[in-house]
PDB file of N, CA and C in Angstrom:
ATOM      1  N   MET A   1    -149.741   9.318  12.069  1.00  0.00           N
ATOM      2  CA  MET A   1    -148.590   9.161  11.210  1.00  0.00           C
ATOM      3  C   MET A   1    -148.314   7.670  11.087  1.00  0.00           C
ATOM      4  N   GLU A   2    -148.289   7.178   9.885  1.00  0.00           N
ATOM      5  CA  GLU A   2    -148.238   5.732   9.687  1.00  0.00           C
ATOM      6  C   GLU A   2    -146.843   5.157   9.465  1.00  0.00           C
ATOM      7  N   CYS A   3    -145.815   5.881   9.821  1.00  0.00           N
ATOM      8  CA  CYS A   3    -144.458   5.349   9.696  1.00  0.00           C
ATOM      9  C   CYS A   3    -144.227   4.289  10.773  1.00  0.00           C
ATOM     10  N   ALA A   4    -143.831   3.109  10.355  1.00  0.00           N
ATOM     11  CA  ALA A   4    -143.628   2.014  11.312  1.00  0.00           C
ATOM     12  C   ALA A   4    -142.269   2.126  11.977  1.00  0.00           C
ATOM     13  N   ASP A   5    -142.233   1.742  13.227  1.00  0.00           N
ATOM     14  CA  ASP A   5    -141.004   1.704  14.001  1.00  0.00           C
ATOM     15  C   ASP A   5    -140.392   0.318  13.854  1.00  0.00           C
ATOM     16  N   GLY A   6    -139.288   0.086  14.520  1.00  0.00           N
ATOM     17  CA  GLY A   6    -138.596  -1.197  14.456  1.00  0.00           C
ATOM     18  C   GLY A   6    -139.460  -2.373  14.864  1.00  0.00           C
ATOM     19  N   ASP A   7    -140.431  -2.154  15.765  1.00  0.00           N
ATOM     20  CA  ASP A   7    -141.297  -3.254  16.191  1.00  0.00           C
ATOM     21  C   ASP A   7    -142.536  -3.384  15.315  1.00  0.00           C
ATOM     22  N   GLY A   8    -142.633  -2.565  14.279  1.00  0.00           N
ATOM     23  CA  GLY A   8    -143.746  -2.648  13.346  1.00  0.00           C
ATOM     24  C   GLY A   8    -144.950  -1.813  13.733  1.00  0.00           C
ATOM     25  N   SER A   9    -144.918  -1.176  14.896  1.00  0.00           N
ATOM     26  CA  SER A   9    -146.064  -0.362  15.306  1.00  0.00           C
ATOM     27  C   SER A   9    -145.923   1.055  14.751  1.00  0.00           C
ATOM     28  N   SER A  10    -147.056   1.663  14.434  1.00  0.00           N
ATOM     29  CA  SER A  10    -147.032   3.020  13.897  1.00  0.00           C
ATOM     30  C   SER A  10    -146.799   4.024  15.027  1.00  0.00           C
ATOM     31  N   LEU A  11    -146.370   5.204  14.648  1.00  0.00           N
ATOM     32  CA  LEU A  11    -146.173   6.263  15.640  1.00  0.00           C
ATOM     33  C   LEU A  11    -147.501   6.576  16.327  1.00  0.00           C
ATOM     34  N   ASP A  12    -148.592   6.590  15.573  1.00  0.00           N
ATOM     35  CA  ASP A  12    -149.914   6.815  16.169  1.00  0.00           C
ATOM     36  C   ASP A  12    -150.170   5.840  17.313  1.00  0.00           C
ATOM     37  N   THR A  13    -149.942   4.578  17.058  1.00  0.00           N
ATOM     38  CA  THR A  13    -150.202   3.537  18.052  1.00  0.00           C
ATOM     39  C   THR A  13    -149.313   3.705  19.274  1.00  0.00           C
ATOM     40  N   ARG A  14    -148.029   3.958  19.046  1.00  0.00           N
ATOM     41  CA  ARG A  14    -147.108   4.104  20.171  1.00  0.00           C
ATOM     42  C   ARG A  14    -147.442   5.325  21.023  1.00  0.00           C
ATOM     43  N   VAL A  15    -147.821   6.428  20.377  1.00  0.00           N
ATOM     44  CA  VAL A  15    -148.174   7.641  21.119  1.00  0.00           C
ATOM     45  C   VAL A  15    -149.470   7.415  21.899  1.00  0.00           C
ATOM     46  N   GLU A  16    -150.452   6.774  21.298  1.00  0.00           N
ATOM     47  CA  GLU A  16    -151.701   6.482  22.015  1.00  0.00           C
ATOM     48  C   GLU A  16    -151.439   5.622  23.245  1.00  0.00           C
ATOM     49  N   ARG A  17    -150.585   4.621  23.110  1.00  0.00           N
ATOM     50  CA  ARG A  17    -150.241   3.771  24.258  1.00  0.00           C
ATOM     51  C   ARG A  17    -149.536   4.583  25.346  1.00  0.00           C
ATOM     52  N   PHE A  18    -148.610   5.431  24.940  1.00  0.00           N
ATOM     53  CA  PHE A  18    -147.873   6.266  25.888  1.00  0.00           C
ATOM     54  C   PHE A  18    -148.820   7.176  26.670  1.00  0.00           C
ATOM     55  N   ILE A  19    -149.731   7.820  25.976  1.00  0.00           N
ATOM     56  CA  ILE A  19    -150.673   8.735  26.627  1.00  0.00           C
ATOM     57  C   ILE A  19    -151.560   7.975  27.614  1.00  0.00           C
ATOM     58  N   ALA A  20    -152.057   6.834  27.199  1.00  0.00           N
ATOM     59  CA  ALA A  20    -152.994   6.067  28.030  1.00  0.00           C
ATOM     60  C   ALA A  20    -152.332   5.389  29.227  1.00  0.00           C
ATOM     61  N   ASP A  21    -151.063   5.048  29.093  1.00  0.00           N
ATOM     62  CA  ASP A  21    -150.362   4.315  30.144  1.00  0.00           C
ATOM     63  C   ASP A  21    -149.500   5.271  30.962  1.00  0.00           C
ATOM     64  N   GLY A  22    -150.032   5.735  32.084  1.00  0.00           N
ATOM     65  CA  GLY A  22    -149.318   6.680  32.932  1.00  0.00           C
ATOM     66  C   GLY A  22    -148.013   6.166  33.504  1.00  0.00           C
ATOM     67  N   SER A  23    -147.785   4.848  33.436  1.00  0.00           N
ATOM     68  CA  SER A  23    -146.535   4.302  33.949  1.00  0.00           C
ATOM     69  C   SER A  23    -145.435   4.274  32.884  1.00  0.00           C
ATOM     70  N   SER A  24    -145.805   4.576  31.653  1.00  0.00           N
ATOM     71  CA  SER A  24    -144.839   4.591  30.552  1.00  0.00           C
ATOM     72  C   SER A  24    -143.981   5.850  30.656  1.00  0.00           C
ATOM     73  N   SER A  25    -142.659   5.672  30.559  1.00  0.00           N
ATOM     74  CA  SER A  25    -141.732   6.783  30.782  1.00  0.00           C
ATOM     75  C   SER A  25    -141.528   7.696  29.579  1.00  0.00           C
ATOM     76  N   ALA A  26    -141.574   7.138  28.363  1.00  0.00           N
ATOM     77  CA  ALA A  26    -141.272   7.956  27.190  1.00  0.00           C
ATOM     78  C   ALA A  26    -141.773   7.288  25.923  1.00  0.00           C
ATOM     79  N   VAL A  27    -141.883   8.108  24.884  1.00  0.00           N
ATOM     80  CA  VAL A  27    -142.174   7.612  23.543  1.00  0.00           C
ATOM     81  C   VAL A  27    -141.193   8.311  22.599  1.00  0.00           C
ATOM     82  N   THR A  28    -140.630   7.567  21.685  1.00  0.00           N
ATOM     83  CA  THR A  28    -139.690   8.148  20.725  1.00  0.00           C
ATOM     84  C   THR A  28    -140.402   8.411  19.404  1.00  0.00           C
ATOM     85  N   GLY A  29    -139.904   9.415  18.727  1.00  0.00           N
ATOM     86  CA  GLY A  29    -140.438   9.760  17.416  1.00  0.00           C
ATOM     87  C   GLY A  29    -139.627   9.106  16.324  1.00  0.00           C
ATOM     88  N   ILE A  30    -139.823   9.622  15.151  1.00  0.00           N
ATOM     89  CA  ILE A  30    -139.138   9.129  13.955  1.00  0.00           C
ATOM     90  C   ILE A  30    -137.845   9.918  13.783  1.00  0.00           C
ATOM     91  N   ARG A  31    -136.808   9.247  13.372  1.00  0.00           N
ATOM     92  CA  ARG A  31    -135.517   9.907  13.171  1.00  0.00           C
ATOM     93  C   ARG A  31    -135.693  11.131  12.278  1.00  0.00           C
ATOM     94  N   ARG A  32    -135.095  12.221  12.700  1.00  0.00           N
ATOM     95  CA  ARG A  32    -135.127  13.515  12.022  1.00  0.00           C
ATOM     96  C   ARG A  32    -136.498  14.177  12.019  1.00  0.00           C
ATOM     97  N   MET A  33    -137.404  13.696  12.839  1.00  0.00           N
ATOM     98  CA  MET A  33    -138.736  14.288  12.926  1.00  0.00           C
ATOM     99  C   MET A  33    -138.679  15.675  13.555  1.00  0.00           C
ATOM    100  N   GLY A  34    -137.827  15.848  14.529  1.00  0.00           N
ATOM    101  CA  GLY A  34    -137.743  17.112  15.245  1.00  0.00           C
ATOM    102  C   GLY A  34    -138.526  17.048  16.538  1.00  0.00           C
ATOM    103  N   ARG A  35    -137.908  17.531  17.588  1.00  0.00           N
ATOM    104  CA  ARG A  35    -138.509  17.469  18.923  1.00  0.00           C
ATOM    105  C   ARG A  35    -139.827  18.223  18.992  1.00  0.00           C
ATOM    106  N   GLU A  36    -139.868  19.459  18.519  1.00  0.00           N
ATOM    107  CA  GLU A  36    -141.091  20.250  18.612  1.00  0.00           C
ATOM    108  C   GLU A  36    -142.223  19.641  17.794  1.00  0.00           C
ATOM    109  N   GLU A  37    -141.902  19.064  16.658  1.00  0.00           N
ATOM    110  CA  GLU A  37    -142.924  18.398  15.845  1.00  0.00           C
ATOM    111  C   GLU A  37    -143.517  17.210  16.605  1.00  0.00           C
ATOM    112  N   LEU A  38    -142.674  16.439  17.279  1.00  0.00           N
ATOM    113  CA  LEU A  38    -143.171  15.302  18.057  1.00  0.00           C
ATOM    114  C   LEU A  38    -144.014  15.788  19.241  1.00  0.00           C
ATOM    115  N   VAL A  39    -143.583  16.833  19.932  1.00  0.00           N
ATOM    116  CA  VAL A  39    -144.352  17.375  21.051  1.00  0.00           C
ATOM    117  C   VAL A  39    -145.745  17.788  20.566  1.00  0.00           C
ATOM    118  N   ARG A  40    -145.809  18.501  19.447  1.00  0.00           N
ATOM    119  CA  ARG A  40    -147.109  18.916  18.907  1.00  0.00           C
ATOM    120  C   ARG A  40    -147.954  17.713  18.487  1.00  0.00           C
ATOM    121  N   PHE A  41    -147.309  16.698  17.919  1.00  0.00           N
ATOM    122  CA  PHE A  41    -148.009  15.481  17.514  1.00  0.00           C
ATOM    123  C   PHE A  41    -148.626  14.784  18.729  1.00  0.00           C
ATOM    124  N   VAL A  42    -147.864  14.665  19.821  1.00  0.00           N
ATOM    125  CA  VAL A  42    -148.361  14.032  21.044  1.00  0.00           C
ATOM    126  C   VAL A  42    -149.520  14.845  21.616  1.00  0.00           C
ATOM    127  N   ALA A  43    -149.395  16.165  21.641  1.00  0.00           N
ATOM    128  CA  ALA A  43    -150.465  17.024  22.156  1.00  0.00           C
ATOM    129  C   ALA A  43    -151.734  16.871  21.321  1.00  0.00           C
ATOM    130  N   GLU A  44    -151.581  16.862  20.017  1.00  0.00           N
ATOM    131  CA  GLU A  44    -152.732  16.708  19.122  1.00  0.00           C
ATOM    132  C   GLU A  44    -153.398  15.347  19.311  1.00  0.00           C
ATOM    133  N   LYS A  45    -152.602  14.308  19.430  1.00  0.00           N
ATOM    134  CA  LYS A  45    -153.144  12.952  19.628  1.00  0.00           C
ATOM    135  C   LYS A  45    -153.888  12.889  20.962  1.00  0.00           C
ATOM    136  N   ALA A  46    -153.341  13.500  22.020  1.00  0.00           N
ATOM    137  CA  ALA A  46    -154.014  13.513  23.320  1.00  0.00           C
ATOM    138  C   ALA A  46    -155.357  14.232  23.219  1.00  0.00           C
ATOM    139  N   ARG A  47    -155.394  15.337  22.505  1.00  0.00           N
ATOM    140  CA  ARG A  47    -156.659  16.063  22.318  1.00  0.00           C
ATOM    141  C   ARG A  47    -157.656  15.218  21.536  1.00  0.00           C
ATOM    142  N   ASP A  48    -157.176  14.533  20.509  1.00  0.00           N
ATOM    143  CA  ASP A  48    -158.050  13.662  19.712  1.00  0.00           C
ATOM    144  C   ASP A  48    -158.691  12.574  20.568  1.00  0.00           C
ATOM    145  N   ILE A  49    -157.941  12.077  21.550  1.00  0.00           N
ATOM    146  CA  ILE A  49    -158.435  11.020  22.434  1.00  0.00           C
ATOM    147  C   ILE A  49    -159.444  11.585  23.440  1.00  0.00           C
ATOM    148  N   GLY A  50    -159.362  12.893  23.717  1.00  0.00           N
ATOM    149  CA  GLY A  50    -160.309  13.508  24.638  1.00  0.00           C
ATOM    150  C   GLY A  50    -159.709  14.166  25.861  1.00  0.00           C
ATOM    151  N   TYR A  51    -158.400  14.217  25.939  1.00  0.00           N
ATOM    152  CA  TYR A  51    -157.733  14.881  27.056  1.00  0.00           C
ATOM    153  C   TYR A  51    -157.672  16.387  26.813  1.00  0.00           C
ATOM    154  N   SER A  52    -157.741  17.174  27.885  1.00  0.00           N
ATOM    155  CA  SER A  52    -157.453  18.603  27.761  1.00  0.00           C
ATOM    156  C   SER A  52    -155.936  18.752  27.886  1.00  0.00           C
ATOM    157  N   VAL A  53    -155.371  19.609  27.043  1.00  0.00           N
ATOM    158  CA  VAL A  53    -153.912  19.718  26.955  1.00  0.00           C
ATOM    159  C   VAL A  53    -153.486  21.179  27.016  1.00  0.00           C
ATOM    160  N   ALA A  54    -152.456  21.447  27.798  1.00  0.00           N
ATOM    161  CA  ALA A  54    -151.806  22.753  27.829  1.00  0.00           C
ATOM    162  C   ALA A  54    -150.398  22.569  27.271  1.00  0.00           C
ATOM    163  N   ILE A  55    -150.045  23.395  26.309  1.00  0.00           N
ATOM    164  CA  ILE A  55    -148.682  23.376  25.771  1.00  0.00           C
ATOM    165  C   ILE A  55    -148.011  24.646  26.258  1.00  0.00           C
ATOM    166  N   GLY A  56    -147.027  24.476  27.145  1.00  0.00           N
ATOM    167  CA  GLY A  56    -146.357  25.632  27.735  1.00  0.00           C
ATOM    168  C   GLY A  56    -147.348  26.520  28.447  1.00  0.00           C
ATOM    169  N   ASP A  57    -147.409  27.802  28.051  1.00  0.00           N
ATOM    170  CA  ASP A  57    -148.327  28.771  28.660  1.00  0.00           C
ATOM    171  C   ASP A  57    -149.717  28.730  28.053  1.00  0.00           C
ATOM    172  N   ASP A  58    -149.890  27.974  26.972  1.00  0.00           N
ATOM    173  CA  ASP A  58    -151.146  27.949  26.245  1.00  0.00           C
ATOM    174  C   ASP A  58    -152.005  26.761  26.669  1.00  0.00           C
ATOM    175  N   GLY A  59    -153.145  27.053  27.270  1.00  0.00           N
ATOM    176  CA  GLY A  59    -154.048  25.990  27.672  1.00  0.00           C
ATOM    177  C   GLY A  59    -154.569  26.191  29.075  1.00  0.00           C
ATOM    178  N   PRO A  60    -155.561  25.402  29.436  1.00  0.00           N
ATOM    179  CA  PRO A  60    -156.188  25.573  30.754  1.00  0.00           C
ATOM    180  C   PRO A  60    -155.257  25.165  31.900  1.00  0.00           C
ATOM    181  N   PRO A  61    -155.344  25.863  33.042  1.00  0.00           N
ATOM    182  CA  PRO A  61    -154.486  25.522  34.181  1.00  0.00           C
ATOM    183  C   PRO A  61    -154.821  24.158  34.784  1.00  0.00           C
ATOM    184  N   ASP A  62    -156.050  23.689  34.550  1.00  0.00           N
ATOM    185  CA  ASP A  62    -156.449  22.383  35.084  1.00  0.00           C
ATOM    186  C   ASP A  62    -156.412  21.296  34.010  1.00  0.00           C
ATOM    187  N   ALA A  63    -155.541  21.459  33.023  1.00  0.00           N
ATOM    188  CA  ALA A  63    -155.433  20.499  31.919  1.00  0.00           C
ATOM    189  C   ALA A  63    -155.075  19.107  32.431  1.00  0.00           C
ATOM    190  N   ASP A  64    -155.579  18.094  31.728  1.00  0.00           N
ATOM    191  CA  ASP A  64    -155.210  16.713  32.055  1.00  0.00           C
ATOM    192  C   ASP A  64    -153.716  16.500  31.827  1.00  0.00           C
ATOM    193  N   ILE A  65    -153.217  17.091  30.734  1.00  0.00           N
ATOM    194  CA  ILE A  65    -151.816  16.941  30.343  1.00  0.00           C
ATOM    195  C   ILE A  65    -151.226  18.322  30.096  1.00  0.00           C
ATOM    196  N   ALA A  66    -150.070  18.587  30.682  1.00  0.00           N
ATOM    197  CA  ALA A  66    -149.311  19.804  30.402  1.00  0.00           C
ATOM    198  C   ALA A  66    -148.000  19.361  29.773  1.00  0.00           C
ATOM    199  N   ILE A  67    -147.663  19.978  28.651  1.00  0.00           N
ATOM    200  CA  ILE A  67    -146.502  19.522  27.899  1.00  0.00           C
ATOM    201  C   ILE A  67    -145.620  20.712  27.521  1.00  0.00           C
ATOM    202  N   ALA A  68    -144.315  20.506  27.662  1.00  0.00           N
ATOM    203  CA  ALA A  68    -143.330  21.536  27.335  1.00  0.00           C
ATOM    204  C   ALA A  68    -142.516  21.091  26.124  1.00  0.00           C
ATOM    205  N   MET A  69    -142.082  22.054  25.333  1.00  0.00           N
ATOM    206  CA  MET A  69    -141.278  21.736  24.157  1.00  0.00           C
ATOM    207  C   MET A  69    -139.924  21.137  24.540  1.00  0.00           C
ATOM    208  N   HIS A  70    -139.447  21.476  25.743  1.00  0.00           N
ATOM    209  CA  HIS A  70    -138.126  21.040  26.196  1.00  0.00           C
ATOM    210  C   HIS A  70    -138.134  21.030  27.718  1.00  0.00           C
ATOM    211  N   TRP A  71    -137.191  20.353  28.324  1.00  0.00           N
ATOM    212  CA  TRP A  71    -137.145  20.286  29.789  1.00  0.00           C
ATOM    213  C   TRP A  71    -136.792  21.611  30.428  1.00  0.00           C
ATOM    214  N   ASP A  72    -136.175  22.520  29.682  1.00  0.00           N
ATOM    215  CA  ASP A  72    -135.817  23.825  30.216  1.00  0.00           C
ATOM    216  C   ASP A  72    -137.093  24.576  30.621  1.00  0.00           C
ATOM    217  N   GLY A  73    -137.175  25.028  31.829  1.00  0.00           N
ATOM    218  CA  GLY A  73    -138.357  25.710  32.327  1.00  0.00           C
ATOM    219  C   GLY A  73    -139.439  24.774  32.839  1.00  0.00           C
ATOM    220  N   LEU A  74    -139.084  23.531  33.041  1.00  0.00           N
ATOM    221  CA  LEU A  74    -140.047  22.516  33.479  1.00  0.00           C
ATOM    222  C   LEU A  74    -140.621  22.819  34.864  1.00  0.00           C
ATOM    223  N   GLU A  75    -139.810  23.381  35.754  1.00  0.00           N
ATOM    224  CA  GLU A  75    -140.281  23.697  37.112  1.00  0.00           C
ATOM    225  C   GLU A  75    -141.483  24.631  37.077  1.00  0.00           C
ATOM    226  N   GLU A  76    -141.442  25.612  36.195  1.00  0.00           N
ATOM    227  CA  GLU A  76    -142.547  26.565  36.069  1.00  0.00           C
ATOM    228  C   GLU A  76    -143.811  25.858  35.567  1.00  0.00           C
ATOM    229  N   LEU A  77    -143.662  24.955  34.613  1.00  0.00           N
ATOM    230  CA  LEU A  77    -144.806  24.205  34.089  1.00  0.00           C
ATOM    231  C   LEU A  77    -145.431  23.351  35.189  1.00  0.00           C
ATOM    232  N   VAL A  78    -144.601  22.686  35.973  1.00  0.00           N
ATOM    233  CA  VAL A  78    -145.084  21.846  37.067  1.00  0.00           C
ATOM    234  C   VAL A  78    -145.828  22.693  38.100  1.00  0.00           C
ATOM    235  N   SER A  79    -145.307  23.868  38.415  1.00  0.00           N
ATOM    236  CA  SER A  79    -145.975  24.710  39.415  1.00  0.00           C
ATOM    237  C   SER A  79    -147.301  25.260  38.890  1.00  0.00           C
ATOM    238  N   ARG A  80    -147.406  25.529  37.586  1.00  0.00           N
ATOM    239  CA  ARG A  80    -148.660  26.017  37.003  1.00  0.00           C
ATOM    240  C   ARG A  80    -149.705  24.910  36.873  1.00  0.00           C
ATOM    241  N   HIS A  81    -149.244  23.657  36.752  1.00  0.00           N
ATOM    242  CA  HIS A  81    -150.142  22.526  36.518  1.00  0.00           C
ATOM    243  C   HIS A  81    -149.840  21.400  37.520  1.00  0.00           C
ATOM    244  N   PRO A  82    -150.068  21.637  38.808  1.00  0.00           N
ATOM    245  CA  PRO A  82    -149.660  20.667  39.823  1.00  0.00           C
ATOM    246  C   PRO A  82    -150.374  19.314  39.741  1.00  0.00           C
ATOM    247  N   ASP A  83    -151.567  19.287  39.170  1.00  0.00           N
ATOM    248  CA  ASP A  83    -152.325  18.034  39.117  1.00  0.00           C
ATOM    249  C   ASP A  83    -152.328  17.386  37.733  1.00  0.00           C
ATOM    250  N   SER A  84    -151.605  17.976  36.807  1.00  0.00           N
ATOM    251  CA  SER A  84    -151.572  17.471  35.437  1.00  0.00           C
ATOM    252  C   SER A  84    -150.501  16.405  35.248  1.00  0.00           C
ATOM    253  N   ASP A  85    -150.680  15.584  34.239  1.00  0.00           N
ATOM    254  CA  ASP A  85    -149.632  14.671  33.777  1.00  0.00           C
ATOM    255  C   ASP A  85    -148.645  15.562  33.020  1.00  0.00           C
ATOM    256  N   ILE A  86    -147.408  15.628  33.450  1.00  0.00           N
ATOM    257  CA  ILE A  86    -146.412  16.534  32.875  1.00  0.00           C
ATOM    258  C   ILE A  86    -145.531  15.771  31.886  1.00  0.00           C
ATOM    259  N   LEU A  87    -145.463  16.277  30.662  1.00  0.00           N
ATOM    260  CA  LEU A  87    -144.638  15.691  29.605  1.00  0.00           C
ATOM    261  C   LEU A  87    -143.719  16.771  29.053  1.00  0.00           C
ATOM    262  N   TYR A  88    -142.578  16.349  28.519  1.00  0.00           N
ATOM    263  CA  TYR A  88    -141.676  17.321  27.891  1.00  0.00           C
ATOM    264  C   TYR A  88    -140.893  16.670  26.762  1.00  0.00           C
ATOM    265  N   GLY A  89    -140.493  17.501  25.808  1.00  0.00           N
ATOM    266  CA  GLY A  89    -139.713  17.031  24.675  1.00  0.00           C
ATOM    267  C   GLY A  89    -138.240  16.922  25.024  1.00  0.00           C
ATOM    268  N   GLN A  90    -137.586  15.963  24.402  1.00  0.00           N
ATOM    269  CA  GLN A  90    -136.159  15.724  24.644  1.00  0.00           C
ATOM    270  C   GLN A  90    -135.518  15.259  23.339  1.00  0.00           C
ATOM    271  N   ASP A  91    -134.321  15.745  23.056  1.00  0.00           N
ATOM    272  CA  ASP A  91    -133.558  15.272  21.904  1.00  0.00           C
ATOM    273  C   ASP A  91    -132.674  14.127  22.351  1.00  0.00           C
ATOM    274  N   LEU A  92    -132.782  13.000  21.677  1.00  0.00           N
ATOM    275  CA  LEU A  92    -131.924  11.855  21.958  1.00  0.00           C
ATOM    276  C   LEU A  92    -130.808  11.808  20.926  1.00  0.00           C
ATOM    277  N   CYS A  93    -129.934  10.850  21.044  1.00  0.00           N
ATOM    278  CA  CYS A  93    -128.858  10.714  20.067  1.00  0.00           C
ATOM    279  C   CYS A  93    -129.417  10.214  18.725  1.00  0.00           C
ATOM    280  N   HIS A  94    -128.639  10.307  17.705  1.00  0.00           N
ATOM    281  CA  HIS A  94    -129.004   9.858  16.356  1.00  0.00           C
ATOM    282  C   HIS A  94    -130.225  10.588  15.815  1.00  0.00           C
ATOM    283  N   GLN A  95    -130.398  11.857  16.217  1.00  0.00           N
ATOM    284  CA  GLN A  95    -131.456  12.720  15.700  1.00  0.00           C
ATOM    285  C   GLN A  95    -132.863  12.171  15.952  1.00  0.00           C
ATOM    286  N   VAL A  96    -133.031  11.489  17.062  1.00  0.00           N
ATOM    287  CA  VAL A  96    -134.335  10.930  17.421  1.00  0.00           C
ATOM    288  C   VAL A  96    -134.932  11.764  18.553  1.00  0.00           C
ATOM    289  N   PRO A  97    -136.152  12.299  18.351  1.00  0.00           N
ATOM    290  CA  PRO A  97    -136.803  13.041  19.424  1.00  0.00           C
ATOM    291  C   PRO A  97    -137.584  12.091  20.338  1.00  0.00           C
ATOM    292  N   ALA A  98    -137.863  12.561  21.528  1.00  0.00           N
ATOM    293  CA  ALA A  98    -138.686  11.801  22.466  1.00  0.00           C
ATOM    294  C   ALA A  98    -139.572  12.756  23.236  1.00  0.00           C
ATOM    295  N   VAL A  99    -140.669  12.213  23.744  1.00  0.00           N
ATOM    296  CA  VAL A  99    -141.486  12.928  24.726  1.00  0.00           C
ATOM    297  C   VAL A  99    -141.414  12.080  25.985  1.00  0.00           C
ATOM    298  N   VAL A 100    -141.030  12.724  27.072  1.00  0.00           N
ATOM    299  CA  VAL A 100    -140.749  12.038  28.340  1.00  0.00           C
ATOM    300  C   VAL A 100    -141.789  12.454  29.373  1.00  0.00           C
ATOM    301  N   ARG A 101    -142.171  11.525  30.216  1.00  0.00           N
ATOM    302  CA  ARG A 101    -143.098  11.800  31.318  1.00  0.00           C
ATOM    303  C   ARG A 101    -142.298  12.205  32.550  1.00  0.00           C
ATOM    304  N   PHE A 102    -142.610  13.367  33.094  1.00  0.00           N
ATOM    305  CA  PHE A 102    -141.957  13.862  34.303  1.00  0.00           C
ATOM    306  C   PHE A 102    -142.534  13.129  35.504  1.00  0.00           C
ATOM    307  N   ARG A 103    -141.682  12.633  36.361  1.00  0.00           N
ATOM    308  CA  ARG A 103    -142.116  11.931  37.580  1.00  0.00           C
ATOM    309  C   ARG A 103    -142.004  12.889  38.753  1.00  0.00           C
ATOM    310  N   LYS A 104    -143.136  13.218  39.326  1.00  0.00           N
ATOM    311  CA  LYS A 104    -143.152  14.114  40.486  1.00  0.00           C
ATOM    312  C   LYS A 104    -142.757  13.345  41.721  1.00  0.00           C
ATOM    313  N   THR A 105    -141.936  13.974  42.534  1.00  0.00           N
ATOM    314  CA  THR A 105    -141.606  13.388  43.844  1.00  0.00           C
ATOM    315  C   THR A 105    -142.144  14.340  44.894  1.00  0.00           C
ATOM    316  N   ARG A 106    -142.729  13.800  45.891  1.00  0.00           N
ATOM    317  CA  ARG A 106    -143.358  14.649  46.926  1.00  0.00           C
ATOM    318  C   ARG A 106    -142.583  14.545  48.209  1.00  0.00           C
TER     319      ARG A 106
END
């Protein structure tokens, strides 16, 4: 998606950086994009890069990335995918969606 953000980078570029950089906490979408649309976009981009991806209950249990549409039910996703990078969708203010990286504490 070639819509530029305030810093001039495209959503494609920002999502690719977010996926590749495990220390990055979140990536925001485009205003009014919708949380589920952004979650699907991030999952698709991760697959394009070569990661195996599970969205909710759909996908391999040993996926590189497990992603939920929303934080609700996140505990179940984490327990099903203990070794995966866990991401989830979040609605921010001003109708901006985000995908957030869950930080596991042991």
